[in-house]
Amino acid sequence: MPNRPKRSRDPVQAAHQVYLEIIGEAPRQPLPENDPATVAKRKGAAEGGEKRASTLTPERRREIAQKAAAKRWKKTPPAS
């Protein structure tokens, strides 16, 4: 995700916004990463991943990893 404010699609307005940012007169826009909702969502996702990983057996984790690697490399998993 880019670390820059979203600008208008209109080229004239976008150019004006860039000009104001350059001369320092544009109001600072908060980045979406600092939004409390985004922080809470990120925290919940991390907790969910940890809970899922703790319930999976090592064999199942290996199966999932092999399947993901096969998809990434477009190869079929070995027949076991």
Protein backbone atom coordinates (compact mmCIF):
# COMPACT_ATOMS: atom_id res chain seq x y z
CA MET A 1 0.00 0.00 0.00
CA PRO A 2 1.50 3.36 -0.97
CA ASN A 3 2.39 5.84 1.76
CA ARG A 4 0.94 8.87 0.04
CA PRO A 5 -2.40 10.66 0.24
CA LYS A 6 -5.05 9.86 -2.34
CA ARG A 7 -5.45 12.58 -4.93
CA SER A 8 -8.23 13.55 -7.29
CA ARG A 9 -8.42 11.94 -10.72
CA ASP A 10 -8.93 15.35 -12.29
CA PRO A 11 -5.46 16.40 -13.53
CA VAL A 12 -6.00 20.07 -12.74
CA GLN A 13 -7.11 19.41 -9.17
CA ALA A 14 -4.34 16.84 -8.70
CA ALA A 15 -1.73 19.33 -9.95
CA HIS A 16 -3.10 21.99 -7.62
CA GLN A 17 -2.95 19.59 -4.67
CA VAL A 18 0.67 18.70 -5.50
CA TYR A 19 1.53 22.38 -5.73
CA LEU A 20 -0.03 23.06 -2.32
CA GLU A 21 1.89 20.12 -0.83
CA ILE A 22 5.17 21.38 -2.29
CA ILE A 23 4.80 24.90 -0.92
CA GLY A 24 3.61 23.55 2.41
CA GLU A 25 0.09 24.98 2.44
CA ALA A 26 -1.84 21.75 2.00
CA PRO A 27 -3.35 20.27 5.17
CA ARG A 28 -1.74 16.99 6.18
CA GLN A 29 -3.99 14.03 5.51
CA PRO A 30 -3.77 11.11 7.94
CA LEU A 31 -2.45 7.92 6.42
CA PRO A 32 -4.87 4.99 6.47
CA GLU A 33 -2.39 2.86 8.47
CA ASN A 34 -2.94 5.10 11.51
CA ASP A 35 -6.72 4.73 11.37
CA PRO A 36 -7.98 3.01 14.56
CA ALA A 37 -10.21 0.67 12.55
CA THR A 38 -7.27 -0.46 10.42
CA VAL A 39 -5.13 -1.07 13.50
CA ALA A 40 -7.90 -3.12 15.14
CA LYS A 41 -8.43 -5.16 11.97
CA ARG A 42 -4.70 -5.91 11.69
CA LYS A 43 -4.60 -6.99 15.33
CA GLY A 44 -7.60 -9.29 14.88
CA ALA A 45 -6.11 -10.87 11.78
CA ALA A 46 -2.84 -11.58 13.58
CA GLU A 47 -4.66 -13.16 16.51
CA GLY A 48 -6.76 -15.32 14.20
CA GLY A 49 -3.69 -16.60 12.38
CA GLU A 50 -1.97 -17.52 15.63
CA LYS A 51 -5.06 -19.37 16.87
CA ARG A 52 -5.39 -21.31 13.63
CA ALA A 53 -1.69 -22.20 13.60
CA SER A 54 -1.87 -23.48 17.18
CA THR A 55 -4.72 -25.87 16.32
CA LEU A 56 -3.13 -27.32 13.16
CA THR A 57 -1.00 -30.43 13.38
CA PRO A 58 2.50 -30.29 11.88
CA GLU A 59 1.41 -32.74 9.17
CA ARG A 60 -1.55 -30.54 8.18
CA ARG A 61 0.63 -27.41 8.15
CA ARG A 62 3.04 -29.23 5.85
CA GLU A 63 0.20 -30.24 3.51
CA ILE A 64 -1.01 -26.65 3.35
CA ALA A 65 2.51 -25.35 2.69
CA GLN A 66 3.14 -27.91 -0.06
CA LYS A 67 -0.16 -27.08 -1.73
CA ALA A 68 0.64 -23.35 -1.60
CA ALA A 69 4.11 -23.92 -3.04
CA ALA A 70 2.64 -26.03 -5.84
CA LYS A 71 0.19 -23.24 -6.69
CA ARG A 72 2.96 -20.64 -6.65
CA TRP A 73 5.23 -22.65 -8.89
CA LYS A 74 2.38 -24.14 -10.99
CA LYS A 75 3.48 -27.69 -10.27
CA THR A 76 1.33 -30.56 -9.12
CA PRO A 77 1.99 -31.82 -5.59
CA PRO A 78 3.69 -35.23 -5.34
CA ALA A 79 1.28 -38.14 -5.05
CA SER A 80 1.51 -39.58 -1.54
